[in-house]
Structures are given as structure tokens and as C-alpha cells.
Amino acid sequence: MAVIELTKDNFEAEVLKSEVPVLVDFFASWCGPCQMMGPIFDEVSADYEGKLKFGKVSTESDGELAQKYGIQSIPCFVLFKGGEETERVVGGSAKDVFKTKIDSLLGK
């Protein structure tokens, strides 16, 4: 499944009303660690198809979403289950470390 570009217009439908957990990447184009994590986020999304949805929110174009969820540092990965934030990971990491963090968030 492809990573979904999230905006204030589709956030409720794609994240808050999702049947499966959603991992949301809050990022900005000028952020070096965000640029590093972008390809990793995209690659890892294929490994969790059917178990976890992946979406991205630009803090530049949808700053009100970042503000609503109290995003203070980016990249920030927020896990939503049943329409509620359940966990959060801030900062970049290597692909294998990132997958371990996702598995931990999902309770594997």
C-alpha cells in the first residue's frame, strides 16, 4: 500500500476513522532528518501491508494538524489506533531500528 498524503481535508477519514492502526509521519521539506527518513518510511510501509496504514503530514502546508497534536520536533511518528493517539516516536533512525520501533508500537 502506498503512503497516503494526509491533509486537514482527509485526516479524519484516513486516520481517525481507519479500521487499522495508522502511523503518521509529521515532516517538513527543509528538515534533514525528515529527508533521511522519507525513503525508509516508504520502504517499511510495504512490510506492514494490511496490518498498518502509513500517512504523511507536511507541517508546512498543514501546520494546524501538527499544532493540534502538539508536534514540537520533527520527524515525529505518531501511531493512531481507533482514532486515538497511542504512541509517538521522535527523530530519525536506521531502517532496522525503525522497524523494531514500529513492532514495539504495535505490541509485537
PDB file of N, CA and C in Angstrom:
ATOM      1  N   MET A   1       0.847  -1.182   0.000  1.00  0.00           N
ATOM      2  CA  MET A   1       0.000   0.000   0.000  1.00  0.00           C
ATOM      3  C   MET A   1       0.888   1.240   0.000  1.00  0.00           C
ATOM      4  N   ALA A   2       0.520   2.181  -0.774  1.00  0.00           N
ATOM      5  CA  ALA A   2       1.295   3.420  -0.871  1.00  0.00           C
ATOM      6  C   ALA A   2       1.088   4.284   0.372  1.00  0.00           C
ATOM      7  N   VAL A   3       2.068   5.107   0.649  1.00  0.00           N
ATOM      8  CA  VAL A   3       1.953   6.062   1.746  1.00  0.00           C
ATOM      9  C   VAL A   3       0.961   7.139   1.320  1.00  0.00           C
ATOM     10  N   ILE A   4       0.046   7.469   2.214  1.00  0.00           N
ATOM     11  CA  ILE A   4      -1.017   8.435   1.923  1.00  0.00           C
ATOM     12  C   ILE A   4      -0.571   9.836   2.334  1.00  0.00           C
ATOM     13  N   GLU A   5      -0.762  10.796   1.439  1.00  0.00           N
ATOM     14  CA  GLU A   5      -0.512  12.194   1.776  1.00  0.00           C
ATOM     15  C   GLU A   5      -1.730  12.690   2.551  1.00  0.00           C
ATOM     16  N   LEU A   6      -1.515  13.061   3.799  1.00  0.00           N
ATOM     17  CA  LEU A   6      -2.615  13.491   4.658  1.00  0.00           C
ATOM     18  C   LEU A   6      -2.703  15.004   4.735  1.00  0.00           C
ATOM     19  N   THR A   7      -3.933  15.495   4.743  1.00  0.00           N
ATOM     20  CA  THR A   7      -4.202  16.923   4.891  1.00  0.00           C
ATOM     21  C   THR A   7      -5.348  17.075   5.883  1.00  0.00           C
ATOM     22  N   LYS A   8      -5.660  18.305   6.222  1.00  0.00           N
ATOM     23  CA  LYS A   8      -6.792  18.536   7.125  1.00  0.00           C
ATOM     24  C   LYS A   8      -8.096  18.028   6.510  1.00  0.00           C
ATOM     25  N   ASP A   9      -8.145  17.938   5.172  1.00  0.00           N
ATOM     26  CA  ASP A   9      -9.364  17.500   4.487  1.00  0.00           C
ATOM     27  C   ASP A   9      -9.585  15.988   4.549  1.00  0.00           C
ATOM     28  N   ASN A  10      -8.523  15.191   4.600  1.00  0.00           N
ATOM     29  CA  ASN A  10      -8.711  13.739   4.614  1.00  0.00           C
ATOM     30  C   ASN A  10      -8.236  13.062   5.897  1.00  0.00           C
ATOM     31  N   PHE A  11      -7.719  13.822   6.855  1.00  0.00           N
ATOM     32  CA  PHE A  11      -7.149  13.252   8.072  1.00  0.00           C
ATOM     33  C   PHE A  11      -8.185  12.447   8.859  1.00  0.00           C
ATOM     34  N   GLU A  12      -9.359  12.986   9.023  1.00  0.00           N
ATOM     35  CA  GLU A  12     -10.389  12.283   9.803  1.00  0.00           C
ATOM     36  C   GLU A  12     -10.744  10.950   9.154  1.00  0.00           C
ATOM     37  N   ALA A  13     -11.005  10.956   7.859  1.00  0.00           N
ATOM     38  CA  ALA A  13     -11.397   9.727   7.155  1.00  0.00           C
ATOM     39  C   ALA A  13     -10.273   8.703   7.110  1.00  0.00           C
ATOM     40  N   GLU A  14      -9.054   9.148   6.810  1.00  0.00           N
ATOM     41  CA  GLU A  14      -7.935   8.225   6.626  1.00  0.00           C
ATOM     42  C   GLU A  14      -7.290   7.760   7.930  1.00  0.00           C
ATOM     43  N   VAL A  15      -7.343   8.597   8.970  1.00  0.00           N
ATOM     44  CA  VAL A  15      -6.649   8.272  10.221  1.00  0.00           C
ATOM     45  C   VAL A  15      -7.639   7.984  11.351  1.00  0.00           C
ATOM     46  N   LEU A  16      -8.457   8.953  11.674  1.00  0.00           N
ATOM     47  CA  LEU A  16      -9.316   8.828  12.848  1.00  0.00           C
ATOM     48  C   LEU A  16     -10.408   7.778  12.680  1.00  0.00           C
ATOM     49  N   LYS A  17     -10.849   7.532  11.455  1.00  0.00           N
ATOM     50  CA  LYS A  17     -11.900   6.538  11.207  1.00  0.00           C
ATOM     51  C   LYS A  17     -11.361   5.254  10.574  1.00  0.00           C
ATOM     52  N   SER A  18     -10.053   5.088  10.565  1.00  0.00           N
ATOM     53  CA  SER A  18      -9.432   3.919   9.951  1.00  0.00           C
ATOM     54  C   SER A  18      -9.706   2.665  10.771  1.00  0.00           C
ATOM     55  N   GLU A  19      -9.947   1.559  10.064  1.00  0.00           N
ATOM     56  CA  GLU A  19     -10.167   0.261  10.707  1.00  0.00           C
ATOM     57  C   GLU A  19      -8.857  -0.337  11.232  1.00  0.00           C
ATOM     58  N   VAL A  20      -7.733   0.034  10.617  1.00  0.00           N
ATOM     59  CA  VAL A  20      -6.426  -0.474  11.033  1.00  0.00           C
ATOM     60  C   VAL A  20      -5.618   0.673  11.650  1.00  0.00           C
ATOM     61  N   PRO A  21      -4.633   0.355  12.480  1.00  0.00           N
ATOM     62  CA  PRO A  21      -3.790   1.414  13.033  1.00  0.00           C
ATOM     63  C   PRO A  21      -3.108   2.210  11.914  1.00  0.00           C
ATOM     64  N   VAL A  22      -2.825   3.481  12.194  1.00  0.00           N
ATOM     65  CA  VAL A  22      -2.189   4.365  11.211  1.00  0.00           C
ATOM     66  C   VAL A  22      -0.952   4.993  11.839  1.00  0.00           C
ATOM     67  N   LEU A  23       0.176   4.893  11.140  1.00  0.00           N
ATOM     68  CA  LEU A  23       1.407   5.559  11.565  1.00  0.00           C
ATOM     69  C   LEU A  23       1.554   6.813  10.723  1.00  0.00           C
ATOM     70  N   VAL A  24       1.544   7.961  11.395  1.00  0.00           N
ATOM     71  CA  VAL A  24       1.595   9.249  10.706  1.00  0.00           C
ATOM     72  C   VAL A  24       2.964   9.875  10.906  1.00  0.00           C
ATOM     73  N   ASP A  25       3.584  10.249   9.790  1.00  0.00           N
ATOM     74  CA  ASP A  25       4.881  10.926   9.784  1.00  0.00           C
ATOM     75  C   ASP A  25       4.630  12.423   9.633  1.00  0.00           C
ATOM     76  N   PHE A  26       4.897  13.196  10.686  1.00  0.00           N
ATOM     77  CA  PHE A  26       4.844  14.653  10.605  1.00  0.00           C
ATOM     78  C   PHE A  26       6.238  15.109  10.196  1.00  0.00           C
ATOM     79  N   PHE A  27       6.331  15.821   9.063  1.00  0.00           N
ATOM     80  CA  PHE A  27       7.635  16.159   8.484  1.00  0.00           C
ATOM     81  C   PHE A  27       7.596  17.554   7.848  1.00  0.00           C
ATOM     82  N   ALA A  28       8.783  18.016   7.437  1.00  0.00           N
ATOM     83  CA  ALA A  28       8.903  19.260   6.661  1.00  0.00           C
ATOM     84  C   ALA A  28       9.985  19.048   5.604  1.00  0.00           C
ATOM     85  N   SER A  29       9.817  19.702   4.461  1.00  0.00           N
ATOM     86  CA  SER A  29      10.761  19.517   3.352  1.00  0.00           C
ATOM     87  C   SER A  29      12.162  20.049   3.671  1.00  0.00           C
ATOM     88  N   TRP A  30      12.262  21.025   4.557  1.00  0.00           N
ATOM     89  CA  TRP A  30      13.551  21.622   4.891  1.00  0.00           C
ATOM     90  C   TRP A  30      14.300  20.848   5.979  1.00  0.00           C
ATOM     91  N   CYS A  31      13.685  19.833   6.548  1.00  0.00           N
ATOM     92  CA  CYS A  31      14.240  19.092   7.688  1.00  0.00           C
ATOM     93  C   CYS A  31      15.130  17.953   7.204  1.00  0.00           C
ATOM     94  N   GLY A  32      16.425  18.019   7.512  1.00  0.00           N
ATOM     95  CA  GLY A  32      17.374  16.987   7.098  1.00  0.00           C
ATOM     96  C   GLY A  32      17.008  15.587   7.582  1.00  0.00           C
ATOM     97  N   PRO A  33      16.765  15.398   8.881  1.00  0.00           N
ATOM     98  CA  PRO A  33      16.370  14.069   9.348  1.00  0.00           C
ATOM     99  C   PRO A  33      15.063  13.581   8.702  1.00  0.00           C
ATOM    100  N   CYS A  34      14.156  14.495   8.386  1.00  0.00           N
ATOM    101  CA  CYS A  34      12.906  14.122   7.706  1.00  0.00           C
ATOM    102  C   CYS A  34      13.217  13.589   6.309  1.00  0.00           C
ATOM    103  N   GLN A  35      14.138  14.244   5.616  1.00  0.00           N
ATOM    104  CA  GLN A  35      14.527  13.801   4.274  1.00  0.00           C
ATOM    105  C   GLN A  35      15.190  12.428   4.331  1.00  0.00           C
ATOM    106  N   MET A  36      15.958  12.190   5.390  1.00  0.00           N
ATOM    107  CA  MET A  36      16.604  10.900   5.568  1.00  0.00           C
ATOM    108  C   MET A  36      15.560   9.803   5.826  1.00  0.00           C
ATOM    109  N   MET A  37      14.537  10.116   6.614  1.00  0.00           N
ATOM    110  CA  MET A  37      13.535   9.114   6.994  1.00  0.00           C
ATOM    111  C   MET A  37      12.489   8.870   5.912  1.00  0.00           C
ATOM    112  N   GLY A  38      12.302   9.794   4.992  1.00  0.00           N
ATOM    113  CA  GLY A  38      11.276   9.645   3.956  1.00  0.00           C
ATOM    114  C   GLY A  38      11.355   8.331   3.199  1.00  0.00           C
ATOM    115  N   PRO A  39      12.519   8.014   2.601  1.00  0.00           N
ATOM    116  CA  PRO A  39      12.631   6.746   1.867  1.00  0.00           C
ATOM    117  C   PRO A  39      12.466   5.518   2.777  1.00  0.00           C
ATOM    118  N   ILE A  40      12.957   5.607   4.004  1.00  0.00           N
ATOM    119  CA  ILE A  40      12.824   4.492   4.958  1.00  0.00           C
ATOM    120  C   ILE A  40      11.347   4.274   5.281  1.00  0.00           C
ATOM    121  N   PHE A  41      10.619   5.355   5.534  1.00  0.00           N
ATOM    122  CA  PHE A  41       9.186   5.285   5.822  1.00  0.00           C
ATOM    123  C   PHE A  41       8.456   4.622   4.660  1.00  0.00           C
ATOM    124  N   ASP A  42       8.786   5.029   3.433  1.00  0.00           N
ATOM    125  CA  ASP A  42       8.154   4.463   2.239  1.00  0.00           C
ATOM    126  C   ASP A  42       8.472   2.968   2.103  1.00  0.00           C
ATOM    127  N   GLU A  43       9.737   2.579   2.290  1.00  0.00           N
ATOM    128  CA  GLU A  43      10.151   1.180   2.154  1.00  0.00           C
ATOM    129  C   GLU A  43       9.478   0.294   3.198  1.00  0.00           C
ATOM    130  N   VAL A  44       9.481   0.753   4.433  1.00  0.00           N
ATOM    131  CA  VAL A  44       8.930  -0.030   5.536  1.00  0.00           C
ATOM    132  C   VAL A  44       7.420  -0.216   5.393  1.00  0.00           C
ATOM    133  N   SER A  45       6.741   0.739   4.771  1.00  0.00           N
ATOM    134  CA  SER A  45       5.287   0.642   4.642  1.00  0.00           C
ATOM    135  C   SER A  45       4.865  -0.646   3.931  1.00  0.00           C
ATOM    136  N   ALA A  46       5.669  -1.127   2.981  1.00  0.00           N
ATOM    137  CA  ALA A  46       5.336  -2.357   2.251  1.00  0.00           C
ATOM    138  C   ALA A  46       5.373  -3.579   3.159  1.00  0.00           C
ATOM    139  N   ASP A  47       6.203  -3.547   4.202  1.00  0.00           N
ATOM    140  CA  ASP A  47       6.344  -4.690   5.105  1.00  0.00           C
ATOM    141  C   ASP A  47       5.144  -4.871   6.031  1.00  0.00           C
ATOM    142  N   TYR A  48       4.316  -3.857   6.146  1.00  0.00           N
ATOM    143  CA  TYR A  48       3.192  -3.908   7.091  1.00  0.00           C
ATOM    144  C   TYR A  48       1.842  -3.828   6.391  1.00  0.00           C
ATOM    145  N   GLU A  49       1.827  -4.101   5.097  1.00  0.00           N
ATOM    146  CA  GLU A  49       0.590  -4.000   4.330  1.00  0.00           C
ATOM    147  C   GLU A  49      -0.505  -4.870   4.947  1.00  0.00           C
ATOM    148  N   GLY A  50      -1.673  -4.268   5.153  1.00  0.00           N
ATOM    149  CA  GLY A  50      -2.801  -4.963   5.749  1.00  0.00           C
ATOM    150  C   GLY A  50      -2.841  -4.898   7.263  1.00  0.00           C
ATOM    151  N   LYS A  51      -1.696  -4.575   7.893  1.00  0.00           N
ATOM    152  CA  LYS A  51      -1.617  -4.508   9.347  1.00  0.00           C
ATOM    153  C   LYS A  51      -1.547  -3.078   9.863  1.00  0.00           C
ATOM    154  N   LEU A  52      -1.008  -2.194   9.012  1.00  0.00           N
ATOM    155  CA  LEU A  52      -0.750  -0.818   9.431  1.00  0.00           C
ATOM    156  C   LEU A  52      -0.795   0.080   8.206  1.00  0.00           C
ATOM    157  N   LYS A  53      -1.477   1.211   8.346  1.00  0.00           N
ATOM    158  CA  LYS A  53      -1.543   2.194   7.270  1.00  0.00           C
ATOM    159  C   LYS A  53      -0.480   3.264   7.550  1.00  0.00           C
ATOM    160  N   PHE A  54       0.135   3.785   6.501  1.00  0.00           N
ATOM    161  CA  PHE A  54       1.169   4.811   6.635  1.00  0.00           C
ATOM    162  C   PHE A  54       0.707   6.098   5.963  1.00  0.00           C
ATOM    163  N   GLY A  55       0.861   7.228   6.656  1.00  0.00           N
ATOM    164  CA  GLY A  55       0.492   8.519   6.100  1.00  0.00           C
ATOM    165  C   GLY A  55       1.496   9.584   6.487  1.00  0.00           C
ATOM    166  N   LYS A  56       1.542  10.654   5.687  1.00  0.00           N
ATOM    167  CA  LYS A  56       2.480  11.752   5.928  1.00  0.00           C
ATOM    168  C   LYS A  56       1.726  13.072   6.002  1.00  0.00           C
ATOM    169  N   VAL A  57       2.104  13.903   6.978  1.00  0.00           N
ATOM    170  CA  VAL A  57       1.544  15.248   7.118  1.00  0.00           C
ATOM    171  C   VAL A  57       2.681  16.249   7.005  1.00  0.00           C
ATOM    172  N   SER A  58       2.584  17.155   6.043  1.00  0.00           N
ATOM    173  CA  SER A  58       3.559  18.232   5.926  1.00  0.00           C
ATOM    174  C   SER A  58       3.233  19.298   6.969  1.00  0.00           C
ATOM    175  N   THR A  59       4.192  19.559   7.847  1.00  0.00           N
ATOM    176  CA  THR A  59       3.963  20.588   8.868  1.00  0.00           C
ATOM    177  C   THR A  59       3.980  21.984   8.255  1.00  0.00           C
ATOM    178  N   GLU A  60       4.455  22.076   7.009  1.00  0.00           N
ATOM    179  CA  GLU A  60       4.468  23.367   6.321  1.00  0.00           C
ATOM    180  C   GLU A  60       3.091  23.702   5.765  1.00  0.00           C
ATOM    181  N   SER A  61       2.471  22.751   5.066  1.00  0.00           N
ATOM    182  CA  SER A  61       1.176  23.035   4.443  1.00  0.00           C
ATOM    183  C   SER A  61      -0.007  22.718   5.348  1.00  0.00           C
ATOM    184  N   ASP A  62       0.187  21.863   6.343  1.00  0.00           N
ATOM    185  CA  ASP A  62      -0.891  21.515   7.270  1.00  0.00           C
ATOM    186  C   ASP A  62      -0.427  21.685   8.713  1.00  0.00           C
ATOM    187  N   GLY A  63       0.084  22.865   8.988  1.00  0.00           N
ATOM    188  CA  GLY A  63       0.592  23.178  10.318  1.00  0.00           C
ATOM    189  C   GLY A  63      -0.445  23.072  11.409  1.00  0.00           C
ATOM    190  N   GLU A  64      -1.726  23.282  11.056  1.00  0.00           N
ATOM    191  CA  GLU A  64      -2.771  23.194  12.079  1.00  0.00           C
ATOM    192  C   GLU A  64      -2.908  21.768  12.619  1.00  0.00           C
ATOM    193  N   LEU A  65      -2.642  20.755  11.787  1.00  0.00           N
ATOM    194  CA  LEU A  65      -2.666  19.371  12.287  1.00  0.00           C
ATOM    195  C   LEU A  65      -1.497  19.136  13.242  1.00  0.00           C
ATOM    196  N   ALA A  66      -0.339  19.624  12.870  1.00  0.00           N
ATOM    197  CA  ALA A  66       0.829  19.496  13.745  1.00  0.00           C
ATOM    198  C   ALA A  66       0.577  20.193  15.077  1.00  0.00           C
ATOM    199  N   GLN A  67      -0.032  21.352  15.018  1.00  0.00           N
ATOM    200  CA  GLN A  67      -0.334  22.100  16.235  1.00  0.00           C
ATOM    201  C   GLN A  67      -1.369  21.363  17.083  1.00  0.00           C
ATOM    202  N   LYS A  68      -2.394  20.833  16.440  1.00  0.00           N
ATOM    203  CA  LYS A  68      -3.456  20.111  17.149  1.00  0.00           C
ATOM    204  C   LYS A  68      -2.895  18.931  17.933  1.00  0.00           C
ATOM    205  N   TYR A  69      -1.895  18.245  17.361  1.00  0.00           N
ATOM    206  CA  TYR A  69      -1.327  17.065  18.014  1.00  0.00           C
ATOM    207  C   TYR A  69      -0.030  17.368  18.775  1.00  0.00           C
ATOM    208  N   GLY A  70       0.266  18.646  18.945  1.00  0.00           N
ATOM    209  CA  GLY A  70       1.393  19.046  19.788  1.00  0.00           C
ATOM    210  C   GLY A  70       2.750  18.616  19.266  1.00  0.00           C
ATOM    211  N   ILE A  71       2.920  18.627  17.952  1.00  0.00           N
ATOM    212  CA  ILE A  71       4.198  18.242  17.359  1.00  0.00           C
ATOM    213  C   ILE A  71       5.187  19.382  17.561  1.00  0.00           C
ATOM    214  N   GLN A  72       6.261  19.098  18.295  1.00  0.00           N
ATOM    215  CA  GLN A  72       7.246  20.131  18.584  1.00  0.00           C
ATOM    216  C   GLN A  72       8.589  19.862  17.935  1.00  0.00           C
ATOM    217  N   SER A  73       8.864  18.590  17.604  1.00  0.00           N
ATOM    218  CA  SER A  73      10.106  18.210  16.934  1.00  0.00           C
ATOM    219  C   SER A  73       9.754  17.289  15.778  1.00  0.00           C
ATOM    220  N   ILE A  74      10.496  17.408  14.686  1.00  0.00           N
ATOM    221  CA  ILE A  74      10.264  16.545  13.530  1.00  0.00           C
ATOM    222  C   ILE A  74      11.577  15.901  13.099  1.00  0.00           C
ATOM    223  N   PRO A  75      11.529  14.722  12.477  1.00  0.00           N
ATOM    224  CA  PRO A  75      10.320  13.968  12.193  1.00  0.00           C
ATOM    225  C   PRO A  75       9.697  13.416  13.472  1.00  0.00           C
ATOM    226  N   CYS A  76       8.379  13.318  13.447  1.00  0.00           N
ATOM    227  CA  CYS A  76       7.634  12.766  14.566  1.00  0.00           C
ATOM    228  C   CYS A  76       6.649  11.754  13.998  1.00  0.00           C
ATOM    229  N   PHE A  77       6.726  10.537  14.494  1.00  0.00           N
ATOM    230  CA  PHE A  77       5.879   9.448  14.014  1.00  0.00           C
ATOM    231  C   PHE A  77       4.854   9.139  15.106  1.00  0.00           C
ATOM    232  N   VAL A  78       3.580   9.314  14.775  1.00  0.00           N
ATOM    233  CA  VAL A  78       2.512   9.141  15.750  1.00  0.00           C
ATOM    234  C   VAL A  78       1.631   7.982  15.312  1.00  0.00           C
ATOM    235  N   LEU A  79       1.413   7.041  16.232  1.00  0.00           N
ATOM    236  CA  LEU A  79       0.558   5.897  15.951  1.00  0.00           C
ATOM    237  C   LEU A  79      -0.846   6.174  16.471  1.00  0.00           C
ATOM    238  N   PHE A  80      -1.823   6.013  15.584  1.00  0.00           N
ATOM    239  CA  PHE A  80      -3.229   6.171  15.938  1.00  0.00           C
ATOM    240  C   PHE A  80      -3.909   4.808  15.847  1.00  0.00           C
ATOM    241  N   LYS A  81      -4.640   4.456  16.894  1.00  0.00           N
ATOM    242  CA  LYS A  81      -5.462   3.241  16.894  1.00  0.00           C
ATOM    243  C   LYS A  81      -6.854   3.648  17.341  1.00  0.00           C
ATOM    244  N   GLY A  82      -7.851   3.236  16.587  1.00  0.00           N
ATOM    245  CA  GLY A  82      -9.231   3.559  16.958  1.00  0.00           C
ATOM    246  C   GLY A  82      -9.492   5.046  17.060  1.00  0.00           C
ATOM    247  N   GLY A  83      -8.792   5.833  16.254  1.00  0.00           N
ATOM    248  CA  GLY A  83      -9.000   7.277  16.238  1.00  0.00           C
ATOM    249  C   GLY A  83      -8.284   8.041  17.334  1.00  0.00           C
ATOM    250  N   GLU A  84      -7.485   7.343  18.145  1.00  0.00           N
ATOM    251  CA  GLU A  84      -6.764   7.983  19.249  1.00  0.00           C
ATOM    252  C   GLU A  84      -5.261   7.782  19.098  1.00  0.00           C
ATOM    253  N   GLU A  85      -4.497   8.803  19.502  1.00  0.00           N
ATOM    254  CA  GLU A  85      -3.043   8.652  19.536  1.00  0.00           C
ATOM    255  C   GLU A  85      -2.688   7.680  20.646  1.00  0.00           C
ATOM    256  N   THR A  86      -1.866   6.674  20.305  1.00  0.00           N
ATOM    257  CA  THR A  86      -1.464   5.702  21.315  1.00  0.00           C
ATOM    258  C   THR A  86       0.026   5.763  21.635  1.00  0.00           C
ATOM    259  N   GLU A  87       0.842   6.109  20.650  1.00  0.00           N
ATOM    260  CA  GLU A  87       2.288   6.150  20.856  1.00  0.00           C
ATOM    261  C   GLU A  87       2.899   7.205  19.943  1.00  0.00           C
ATOM    262  N   ARG A  88       4.142   7.574  20.268  1.00  0.00           N
ATOM    263  CA  ARG A  88       4.850   8.584  19.477  1.00  0.00           C
ATOM    264  C   ARG A  88       6.350   8.327  19.540  1.00  0.00           C
ATOM    265  N   VAL A  89       7.008   8.461  18.376  1.00  0.00           N
ATOM    266  CA  VAL A  89       8.463   8.323  18.282  1.00  0.00           C
ATOM    267  C   VAL A  89       8.974   9.569  17.579  1.00  0.00           C
ATOM    268  N   VAL A  90       9.973  10.228  18.187  1.00  0.00           N
ATOM    269  CA  VAL A  90      10.531  11.452  17.621  1.00  0.00           C
ATOM    270  C   VAL A  90      11.958  11.189  17.158  1.00  0.00           C
ATOM    271  N   GLY A  91      12.277  11.671  15.955  1.00  0.00           N
ATOM    272  CA  GLY A  91      13.639  11.591  15.447  1.00  0.00           C
ATOM    273  C   GLY A  91      13.831  10.502  14.417  1.00  0.00           C
ATOM    274  N   GLY A  92      14.970  10.571  13.762  1.00  0.00           N
ATOM    275  CA  GLY A  92      15.300   9.620  12.720  1.00  0.00           C
ATOM    276  C   GLY A  92      16.049   8.424  13.272  1.00  0.00           C
ATOM    277  N   SER A  93      16.084   7.343  12.482  1.00  0.00           N
ATOM    278  CA  SER A  93      16.826   6.146  12.864  1.00  0.00           C
ATOM    279  C   SER A  93      17.073   5.295  11.621  1.00  0.00           C
ATOM    280  N   ALA A  94      17.931   4.321  11.757  1.00  0.00           N
ATOM    281  CA  ALA A  94      18.202   3.385  10.663  1.00  0.00           C
ATOM    282  C   ALA A  94      16.964   2.525  10.416  1.00  0.00           C
ATOM    283  N   LYS A  95      16.884   1.938   9.225  1.00  0.00           N
ATOM    284  CA  LYS A  95      15.701   1.168   8.840  1.00  0.00           C
ATOM    285  C   LYS A  95      15.391   0.043   9.831  1.00  0.00           C
ATOM    286  N   ASP A  96      16.393  -0.750  10.210  1.00  0.00           N
ATOM    287  CA  ASP A  96      16.132  -1.867  11.119  1.00  0.00           C
ATOM    288  C   ASP A  96      15.693  -1.389  12.498  1.00  0.00           C
ATOM    289  N   VAL A  97      16.253  -0.297  12.966  1.00  0.00           N
ATOM    290  CA  VAL A  97      15.859   0.283  14.253  1.00  0.00           C
ATOM    291  C   VAL A  97      14.431   0.814  14.161  1.00  0.00           C
ATOM    292  N   PHE A  98      14.104   1.451  13.038  1.00  0.00           N
ATOM    293  CA  PHE A  98      12.760   1.992  12.831  1.00  0.00           C
ATOM    294  C   PHE A  98      11.727   0.859  12.829  1.00  0.00           C
ATOM    295  N   LYS A  99      12.045  -0.253  12.147  1.00  0.00           N
ATOM    296  CA  LYS A  99      11.121  -1.398  12.124  1.00  0.00           C
ATOM    297  C   LYS A  99      10.936  -1.972  13.526  1.00  0.00           C
ATOM    298  N   THR A 100      12.004  -2.022  14.301  1.00  0.00           N
ATOM    299  CA  THR A 100      11.907  -2.509  15.678  1.00  0.00           C
ATOM    300  C   THR A 100      10.996  -1.606  16.497  1.00  0.00           C
ATOM    301  N   LYS A 101      11.115  -0.296  16.282  1.00  0.00           N
ATOM    302  CA  LYS A 101      10.244   0.656  16.987  1.00  0.00           C
ATOM    303  C   LYS A 101       8.790   0.460  16.583  1.00  0.00           C
ATOM    304  N   ILE A 102       8.530   0.234  15.289  1.00  0.00           N
ATOM    305  CA  ILE A 102       7.162   0.019  14.827  1.00  0.00           C
ATOM    306  C   ILE A 102       6.602  -1.260  15.449  1.00  0.00           C
ATOM    307  N   ASP A 103       7.394  -2.330  15.446  1.00  0.00           N
ATOM    308  CA  ASP A 103       6.944  -3.591  16.047  1.00  0.00           C
ATOM    309  C   ASP A 103       6.604  -3.382  17.514  1.00  0.00           C
ATOM    310  N   SER A 104       7.427  -2.610  18.207  1.00  0.00           N
ATOM    311  CA  SER A 104       7.165  -2.314  19.614  1.00  0.00           C
ATOM    312  C   SER A 104       5.868  -1.525  19.780  1.00  0.00           C
ATOM    313  N   LEU A 105       5.654  -0.533  18.899  1.00  0.00           N
ATOM    314  CA  LEU A 105       4.429   0.262  18.962  1.00  0.00           C
ATOM    315  C   LEU A 105       3.198  -0.605  18.739  1.00  0.00           C
ATOM    316  N   LEU A 106       3.323  -1.571  17.854  1.00  0.00           N
ATOM    317  CA  LEU A 106       2.201  -2.447  17.538  1.00  0.00           C
ATOM    318  C   LEU A 106       2.019  -3.562  18.555  1.00  0.00           C
ATOM    319  N   GLY A 107       2.978  -3.678  19.477  1.00  0.00           N
ATOM    320  CA  GLY A 107       2.860  -4.677  20.526  1.00  0.00           C
ATOM    321  C   GLY A 107       3.252  -6.084  20.107  1.00  0.00           C
ATOM    322  N   LYS A 108       4.164  -6.181  19.118  1.00  0.00           N
ATOM    323  CA  LYS A 108       4.605  -7.499  18.666  1.00  0.00           C
ATOM    324  C   LYS A 108       5.625  -8.069  19.626  1.00  0.00           C
TER     325      LYS A 108
END
